Amino acid sequence: MGEIVEFLKFDELEKKITGLIEEYALLKKRNLELEEQLKNKTTELEETSKKIGGLKEERDAVRTKVDSLLDLLQEIKAP
């Protein structure tokens, strides 16, 4: 009878260890997926930042051009 109890304890321990290994594998896979998503989002953020920088430069160039055109208009209006 004692041998059966010992065997059942080992069987239960084996199941717990197997369950932990499976859970670890799933967590490891999910971690890799999340790292890939983070890498993709970081790349997207960098691209967006570059686009915003380009748009700011374009806006500043347009503003400078508009200011110079307004100055020209002021010169034309001046008697």
PDB file of N, CA and C in Angstrom:
ATOM      1  N   MET A   1       0.823  -1.197   0.000  1.00  0.00           N
ATOM      2  CA  MET A   1       0.000   0.000   0.000  1.00  0.00           C
ATOM      3  C   MET A   1       0.862   1.254   0.000  1.00  0.00           C
ATOM      4  N   GLY A   2       1.956   1.240   0.780  1.00  0.00           N
ATOM      5  CA  GLY A   2       2.845   2.390   0.871  1.00  0.00           C
ATOM      6  C   GLY A   2       3.514   2.680  -0.457  1.00  0.00           C
ATOM      7  N   GLU A   3       3.817   1.624  -1.225  1.00  0.00           N
ATOM      8  CA  GLU A   3       4.456   1.812  -2.531  1.00  0.00           C
ATOM      9  C   GLU A   3       3.506   2.524  -3.502  1.00  0.00           C
ATOM     10  N   ILE A   4       2.241   2.233  -3.417  1.00  0.00           N
ATOM     11  CA  ILE A   4       1.252   2.872  -4.293  1.00  0.00           C
ATOM     12  C   ILE A   4       1.155   4.360  -3.975  1.00  0.00           C
ATOM     13  N   VAL A   5       1.179   4.676  -2.673  1.00  0.00           N
ATOM     14  CA  VAL A   5       1.107   6.075  -2.263  1.00  0.00           C
ATOM     15  C   VAL A   5       2.338   6.816  -2.781  1.00  0.00           C
ATOM     16  N   GLU A   6       3.529   6.203  -2.641  1.00  0.00           N
ATOM     17  CA  GLU A   6       4.759   6.827  -3.138  1.00  0.00           C
ATOM     18  C   GLU A   6       4.692   7.015  -4.650  1.00  0.00           C
ATOM     19  N   PHE A   7       4.192   6.018  -5.358  1.00  0.00           N
ATOM     20  CA  PHE A   7       4.075   6.110  -6.815  1.00  0.00           C
ATOM     21  C   PHE A   7       3.122   7.243  -7.205  1.00  0.00           C
ATOM     22  N   LEU A   8       2.015   7.379  -6.486  1.00  0.00           N
ATOM     23  CA  LEU A   8       1.051   8.433  -6.776  1.00  0.00           C
ATOM     24  C   LEU A   8       1.663   9.811  -6.535  1.00  0.00           C
ATOM     25  N   LYS A   9       2.500   9.928  -5.502  1.00  0.00           N
ATOM     26  CA  LYS A   9       3.158  11.196  -5.224  1.00  0.00           C
ATOM     27  C   LYS A   9       4.127  11.544  -6.355  1.00  0.00           C
ATOM     28  N   PHE A  10       4.878  10.555  -6.823  1.00  0.00           N
ATOM     29  CA  PHE A  10       5.792  10.800  -7.946  1.00  0.00           C
ATOM     30  C   PHE A  10       5.019  11.146  -9.220  1.00  0.00           C
ATOM     31  N   ASP A  11       3.903  10.461  -9.421  1.00  0.00           N
ATOM     32  CA  ASP A  11       3.065  10.735 -10.585  1.00  0.00           C
ATOM     33  C   ASP A  11       2.531  12.169 -10.519  1.00  0.00           C
ATOM     34  N   GLU A  12       2.087  12.594  -9.340  1.00  0.00           N
ATOM     35  CA  GLU A  12       1.582  13.955  -9.159  1.00  0.00           C
ATOM     36  C   GLU A  12       2.703  14.970  -9.372  1.00  0.00           C
ATOM     37  N   LEU A  13       3.877  14.680  -8.852  1.00  0.00           N
ATOM     38  CA  LEU A  13       5.028  15.565  -9.019  1.00  0.00           C
ATOM     39  C   LEU A  13       5.398  15.676 -10.503  1.00  0.00           C
ATOM     40  N   GLU A  14       5.376  14.558 -11.207  1.00  0.00           N
ATOM     41  CA  GLU A  14       5.687  14.560 -12.640  1.00  0.00           C
ATOM     42  C   GLU A  14       4.682  15.425 -13.415  1.00  0.00           C
ATOM     43  N   LYS A  15       3.412  15.320 -13.067  1.00  0.00           N
ATOM     44  CA  LYS A  15       2.380  16.118 -13.736  1.00  0.00           C
ATOM     45  C   LYS A  15       2.596  17.606 -13.484  1.00  0.00           C
ATOM     46  N   LYS A  16       2.947  17.951 -12.240  1.00  0.00           N
ATOM     47  CA  LYS A  16       3.182  19.356 -11.912  1.00  0.00           C
ATOM     48  C   LYS A  16       4.385  19.896 -12.683  1.00  0.00           C
ATOM     49  N   ILE A  17       5.442  19.101 -12.736  1.00  0.00           N
ATOM     50  CA  ILE A  17       6.645  19.526 -13.458  1.00  0.00           C
ATOM     51  C   ILE A  17       6.341  19.667 -14.943  1.00  0.00           C
ATOM     52  N   THR A  18       5.626  18.722 -15.499  1.00  0.00           N
ATOM     53  CA  THR A  18       5.249  18.787 -16.915  1.00  0.00           C
ATOM     54  C   THR A  18       4.394  20.021 -17.179  1.00  0.00           C
ATOM     55  N   GLY A  19       3.454  20.299 -16.280  1.00  0.00           N
ATOM     56  CA  GLY A  19       2.611  21.483 -16.425  1.00  0.00           C
ATOM     57  C   GLY A  19       3.438  22.762 -16.370  1.00  0.00           C
ATOM     58  N   LEU A  20       4.402  22.815 -15.461  1.00  0.00           N
ATOM     59  CA  LEU A  20       5.265  23.991 -15.359  1.00  0.00           C
ATOM     60  C   LEU A  20       6.113  24.178 -16.612  1.00  0.00           C
ATOM     61  N   ILE A  21       6.608  23.089 -17.155  1.00  0.00           N
ATOM     62  CA  ILE A  21       7.414  23.164 -18.376  1.00  0.00           C
ATOM     63  C   ILE A  21       6.568  23.676 -19.537  1.00  0.00           C
ATOM     64  N   GLU A  22       5.358  23.174 -19.651  1.00  0.00           N
ATOM     65  CA  GLU A  22       4.457  23.633 -20.723  1.00  0.00           C
ATOM     66  C   GLU A  22       4.120  25.110 -20.552  1.00  0.00           C
ATOM     67  N   GLU A  23       3.843  25.509 -19.314  1.00  0.00           N
ATOM     68  CA  GLU A  23       3.531  26.911 -19.039  1.00  0.00           C
ATOM     69  C   GLU A  23       4.737  27.798 -19.357  1.00  0.00           C
ATOM     70  N   TYR A  24       5.925  27.341 -18.991  1.00  0.00           N
ATOM     71  CA  TYR A  24       7.154  28.095 -19.281  1.00  0.00           C
ATOM     72  C   TYR A  24       7.312  28.270 -20.798  1.00  0.00           C
ATOM     73  N   ALA A  25       7.070  27.195 -21.551  1.00  0.00           N
ATOM     74  CA  ALA A  25       7.201  27.269 -23.010  1.00  0.00           C
ATOM     75  C   ALA A  25       6.212  28.278 -23.594  1.00  0.00           C
ATOM     76  N   LEU A  26       4.990  28.285 -23.095  1.00  0.00           N
ATOM     77  CA  LEU A  26       3.981  29.232 -23.572  1.00  0.00           C
ATOM     78  C   LEU A  26       4.374  30.669 -23.228  1.00  0.00           C
ATOM     79  N   LEU A  27       4.863  30.864 -22.010  1.00  0.00           N
ATOM     80  CA  LEU A  27       5.283  32.205 -21.592  1.00  0.00           C
ATOM     81  C   LEU A  27       6.478  32.686 -22.408  1.00  0.00           C
ATOM     82  N   LYS A  28       7.387  31.779 -22.681  1.00  0.00           N
ATOM     83  CA  LYS A  28       8.560  32.135 -23.482  1.00  0.00           C
ATOM     84  C   LYS A  28       8.134  32.540 -24.897  1.00  0.00           C
ATOM     85  N   LYS A  29       7.196  31.780 -25.481  1.00  0.00           N
ATOM     86  CA  LYS A  29       6.684  32.094 -26.814  1.00  0.00           C
ATOM     87  C   LYS A  29       5.988  33.451 -26.809  1.00  0.00           C
ATOM     88  N   ARG A  30       5.172  33.696 -25.797  1.00  0.00           N
ATOM     89  CA  ARG A  30       4.443  34.967 -25.699  1.00  0.00           C
ATOM     90  C   ARG A  30       5.426  36.124 -25.522  1.00  0.00           C
ATOM     91  N   ASN A  31       6.465  35.895 -24.745  1.00  0.00           N
ATOM     92  CA  ASN A  31       7.480  36.921 -24.538  1.00  0.00           C
ATOM     93  C   ASN A  31       8.160  37.282 -25.857  1.00  0.00           C
ATOM     94  N   LEU A  32       8.470  36.287 -26.662  1.00  0.00           N
ATOM     95  CA  LEU A  32       9.082  36.545 -27.970  1.00  0.00           C
ATOM     96  C   LEU A  32       8.134  37.328 -28.869  1.00  0.00           C
ATOM     97  N   GLU A  33       6.847  36.976 -28.824  1.00  0.00           N
ATOM     98  CA  GLU A  33       5.843  37.708 -29.608  1.00  0.00           C
ATOM     99  C   GLU A  33       5.777  39.169 -29.172  1.00  0.00           C
ATOM    100  N   LEU A  34       5.779  39.393 -27.863  1.00  0.00           N
ATOM    101  CA  LEU A  34       5.713  40.758 -27.341  1.00  0.00           C
ATOM    102  C   LEU A  34       6.968  41.553 -27.692  1.00  0.00           C
ATOM    103  N   GLU A  35       8.135  40.897 -27.652  1.00  0.00           N
ATOM    104  CA  GLU A  35       9.370  41.571 -28.037  1.00  0.00           C
ATOM    105  C   GLU A  35       9.328  41.985 -29.501  1.00  0.00           C
ATOM    106  N   GLU A  36       8.773  41.132 -30.353  1.00  0.00           N
ATOM    107  CA  GLU A  36       8.645  41.444 -31.776  1.00  0.00           C
ATOM    108  C   GLU A  36       7.687  42.617 -31.976  1.00  0.00           C
ATOM    109  N   GLN A  37       6.567  42.610 -31.252  1.00  0.00           N
ATOM    110  CA  GLN A  37       5.617  43.714 -31.351  1.00  0.00           C
ATOM    111  C   GLN A  37       6.263  45.022 -30.898  1.00  0.00           C
ATOM    112  N   LEU A  38       7.032  44.960 -29.817  1.00  0.00           N
ATOM    113  CA  LEU A  38       7.708  46.155 -29.312  1.00  0.00           C
ATOM    114  C   LEU A  38       8.714  46.677 -30.335  1.00  0.00           C
ATOM    115  N   LYS A  39       9.433  45.763 -30.949  1.00  0.00           N
ATOM    116  CA  LYS A  39      10.396  46.153 -31.984  1.00  0.00           C
ATOM    117  C   LYS A  39       9.672  46.843 -33.145  1.00  0.00           C
ATOM    118  N   ASN A  40       8.550  46.281 -33.578  1.00  0.00           N
ATOM    119  CA  ASN A  40       7.776  46.873 -34.675  1.00  0.00           C
ATOM    120  C   ASN A  40       7.233  48.248 -34.297  1.00  0.00           C
ATOM    121  N   LYS A  41       6.721  48.378 -33.081  1.00  0.00           N
ATOM    122  CA  LYS A  41       6.181  49.662 -32.641  1.00  0.00           C
ATOM    123  C   LYS A  41       7.288  50.703 -32.509  1.00  0.00           C
ATOM    124  N   THR A  42       8.461  50.279 -32.067  1.00  0.00           N
ATOM    125  CA  THR A  42       9.588  51.196 -31.961  1.00  0.00           C
ATOM    126  C   THR A  42       9.980  51.701 -33.340  1.00  0.00           C
ATOM    127  N   THR A  43       9.997  50.805 -34.319  1.00  0.00           N
ATOM    128  CA  THR A  43      10.308  51.194 -35.693  1.00  0.00           C
ATOM    129  C   THR A  43       9.253  52.167 -36.224  1.00  0.00           C
ATOM    130  N   GLU A  44       7.979  51.864 -35.974  1.00  0.00           N
ATOM    131  CA  GLU A  44       6.899  52.755 -36.408  1.00  0.00           C
ATOM    132  C   GLU A  44       7.041  54.138 -35.770  1.00  0.00           C
ATOM    133  N   LEU A  45       7.373  54.151 -34.490  1.00  0.00           N
ATOM    134  CA  LEU A  45       7.527  55.420 -33.775  1.00  0.00           C
ATOM    135  C   LEU A  45       8.678  56.242 -34.361  1.00  0.00           C
ATOM    136  N   GLU A  46       9.780  55.570 -34.668  1.00  0.00           N
ATOM    137  CA  GLU A  46      10.919  56.270 -35.274  1.00  0.00           C
ATOM    138  C   GLU A  46      10.544  56.852 -36.637  1.00  0.00           C
ATOM    139  N   GLU A  47       9.826  56.069 -37.445  1.00  0.00           N
ATOM    140  CA  GLU A  47       9.389  56.547 -38.764  1.00  0.00           C
ATOM    141  C   GLU A  47       8.439  57.731 -38.630  1.00  0.00           C
ATOM    142  N   THR A  48       7.517  57.656 -37.674  1.00  0.00           N
ATOM    143  CA  THR A  48       6.574  58.742 -37.449  1.00  0.00           C
ATOM    144  C   THR A  48       7.305  60.004 -36.989  1.00  0.00           C
ATOM    145  N   SER A  49       8.284  59.836 -36.126  1.00  0.00           N
ATOM    146  CA  SER A  49       9.062  60.983 -35.649  1.00  0.00           C
ATOM    147  C   SER A  49       9.799  61.652 -36.800  1.00  0.00           C
ATOM    148  N   LYS A  50      10.341  60.844 -37.710  1.00  0.00           N
ATOM    149  CA  LYS A  50      11.027  61.407 -38.879  1.00  0.00           C
ATOM    150  C   LYS A  50      10.041  62.178 -39.758  1.00  0.00           C
ATOM    151  N   LYS A  51       8.848  61.604 -39.960  1.00  0.00           N
ATOM    152  CA  LYS A  51       7.832  62.280 -40.766  1.00  0.00           C
ATOM    153  C   LYS A  51       7.435  63.610 -40.134  1.00  0.00           C
ATOM    154  N   ILE A  52       7.254  63.602 -38.819  1.00  0.00           N
ATOM    155  CA  ILE A  52       6.888  64.835 -38.120  1.00  0.00           C
ATOM    156  C   ILE A  52       7.997  65.865 -38.272  1.00  0.00           C
ATOM    157  N   GLY A  53       9.247  65.417 -38.150  1.00  0.00           N
ATOM    158  CA  GLY A  53      10.372  66.334 -38.341  1.00  0.00           C
ATOM    159  C   GLY A  53      10.362  66.941 -39.730  1.00  0.00           C
ATOM    160  N   GLY A  54      10.080  66.123 -40.734  1.00  0.00           N
ATOM    161  CA  GLY A  54      10.005  66.607 -42.114  1.00  0.00           C
ATOM    162  C   GLY A  54       8.865  67.593 -42.300  1.00  0.00           C
ATOM    163  N   LEU A  55       7.727  67.300 -41.682  1.00  0.00           N
ATOM    164  CA  LEU A  55       6.580  68.204 -41.781  1.00  0.00           C
ATOM    165  C   LEU A  55       6.863  69.540 -41.090  1.00  0.00           C
ATOM    166  N   LYS A  56       7.568  69.507 -39.979  1.00  0.00           N
ATOM    167  CA  LYS A  56       7.924  70.751 -39.285  1.00  0.00           C
ATOM    168  C   LYS A  56       8.862  71.593 -40.144  1.00  0.00           C
ATOM    169  N   GLU A  57       9.824  70.914 -40.780  1.00  0.00           N
ATOM    170  CA  GLU A  57      10.736  71.643 -41.672  1.00  0.00           C
ATOM    171  C   GLU A  57       9.968  72.265 -42.833  1.00  0.00           C
ATOM    172  N   GLU A  58       9.051  71.496 -43.400  1.00  0.00           N
ATOM    173  CA  GLU A  58       8.235  71.993 -44.508  1.00  0.00           C
ATOM    174  C   GLU A  58       7.377  73.174 -44.060  1.00  0.00           C
ATOM    175  N   ARG A  59       6.787  73.059 -42.879  1.00  0.00           N
ATOM    176  CA  ARG A  59       5.974  74.150 -42.332  1.00  0.00           C
ATOM    177  C   ARG A  59       6.816  75.414 -42.150  1.00  0.00           C
ATOM    178  N   ASP A  60       8.011  75.247 -41.611  1.00  0.00           N
ATOM    179  CA  ASP A  60       8.889  76.401 -41.404  1.00  0.00           C
ATOM    180  C   ASP A  60       9.283  77.041 -42.730  1.00  0.00           C
ATOM    181  N   ALA A  61       9.529  76.204 -43.748  1.00  0.00           N
ATOM    182  CA  ALA A  61       9.888  76.735 -45.065  1.00  0.00           C
ATOM    183  C   ALA A  61       8.703  77.516 -45.654  1.00  0.00           C
ATOM    184  N   VAL A  62       7.493  76.973 -45.510  1.00  0.00           N
ATOM    185  CA  VAL A  62       6.302  77.654 -46.015  1.00  0.00           C
ATOM    186  C   VAL A  62       6.097  78.968 -45.263  1.00  0.00           C
ATOM    187  N   ARG A  63       6.275  78.921 -43.945  1.00  0.00           N
ATOM    188  CA  ARG A  63       6.102  80.131 -43.141  1.00  0.00           C
ATOM    189  C   ARG A  63       7.100  81.216 -43.582  1.00  0.00           C
ATOM    190  N   THR A  64       8.338  80.815 -43.822  1.00  0.00           N
ATOM    191  CA  THR A  64       9.354  81.768 -44.274  1.00  0.00           C
ATOM    192  C   THR A  64       8.968  82.369 -45.620  1.00  0.00           C
ATOM    193  N   LYS A  65       8.491  81.512 -46.520  1.00  0.00           N
ATOM    194  CA  LYS A  65       8.079  81.983 -47.841  1.00  0.00           C
ATOM    195  C   LYS A  65       6.904  82.953 -47.733  1.00  0.00           C
ATOM    196  N   VAL A  66       5.917  82.597 -46.913  1.00  0.00           N
ATOM    197  CA  VAL A  66       4.752  83.470 -46.721  1.00  0.00           C
ATOM    198  C   VAL A  66       5.185  84.808 -46.133  1.00  0.00           C
ATOM    199  N   ASP A  67       6.071  84.781 -45.151  1.00  0.00           N
ATOM    200  CA  ASP A  67       6.565  86.021 -44.548  1.00  0.00           C
ATOM    201  C   ASP A  67       7.260  86.900 -45.585  1.00  0.00           C
ATOM    202  N   SER A  68       8.053  86.264 -46.452  1.00  0.00           N
ATOM    203  CA  SER A  68       8.750  87.059 -47.471  1.00  0.00           C
ATOM    204  C   SER A  68       7.765  87.636 -48.486  1.00  0.00           C
ATOM    205  N   LEU A  69       6.722  86.872 -48.824  1.00  0.00           N
ATOM    206  CA  LEU A  69       5.700  87.381 -49.729  1.00  0.00           C
ATOM    207  C   LEU A  69       4.917  88.524 -49.087  1.00  0.00           C
ATOM    208  N   LEU A  70       4.633  88.403 -47.808  1.00  0.00           N
ATOM    209  CA  LEU A  70       3.944  89.492 -47.107  1.00  0.00           C
ATOM    210  C   LEU A  70       4.807  90.755 -47.067  1.00  0.00           C
ATOM    211  N   ASP A  71       6.109  90.562 -46.894  1.00  0.00           N
ATOM    212  CA  ASP A  71       7.023  91.704 -46.910  1.00  0.00           C
ATOM    213  C   ASP A  71       7.002  92.388 -48.279  1.00  0.00           C
ATOM    214  N   LEU A  72       6.968  91.562 -49.332  1.00  0.00           N
ATOM    215  CA  LEU A  72       6.898  92.121 -50.682  1.00  0.00           C
ATOM    216  C   LEU A  72       5.609  92.911 -50.869  1.00  0.00           C
ATOM    217  N   LEU A  73       4.511  92.377 -50.362  1.00  0.00           N
ATOM    218  CA  LEU A  73       3.234  93.103 -50.456  1.00  0.00           C
ATOM    219  C   LEU A  73       3.292  94.428 -49.695  1.00  0.00           C
ATOM    220  N   GLN A  74       3.931  94.428 -48.569  1.00  0.00           N
ATOM    221  CA  GLN A  74       4.056  95.666 -47.786  1.00  0.00           C
ATOM    222  C   GLN A  74       4.845  96.703 -48.579  1.00  0.00           C
ATOM    223  N   GLU A  75       5.878  96.240 -49.278  1.00  0.00           N
ATOM    224  CA  GLU A  75       6.680  97.157 -50.091  1.00  0.00           C
ATOM    225  C   GLU A  75       5.853  97.739 -51.243  1.00  0.00           C
ATOM    226  N   ILE A  76       5.002  96.879 -51.807  1.00  0.00           N
ATOM    227  CA  ILE A  76       4.161  97.330 -52.927  1.00  0.00           C
ATOM    228  C   ILE A  76       3.145  98.367 -52.446  1.00  0.00           C
ATOM    229  N   LYS A  77       2.565  98.154 -51.277  1.00  0.00           N
ATOM    230  CA  LYS A  77       1.562  99.061 -50.725  1.00  0.00           C
ATOM    231  C   LYS A  77       2.153 100.365 -50.274  1.00  0.00           C
ATOM    232  N   ALA A  78       3.419 100.347 -49.887  1.00  0.00           N
ATOM    233  CA  ALA A  78       4.039 101.577 -49.383  1.00  0.00           C
ATOM    234  C   ALA A  78       4.146 102.609 -50.494  1.00  0.00           C
ATOM    235  N   PRO A  79       3.717 103.860 -50.194  1.00  0.00           N
ATOM    236  CA  PRO A  79       3.759 104.899 -51.237  1.00  0.00           C
ATOM    237  C   PRO A  79       5.184 105.373 -51.480  1.00  0.00           C
TER     238      PRO A  79
END
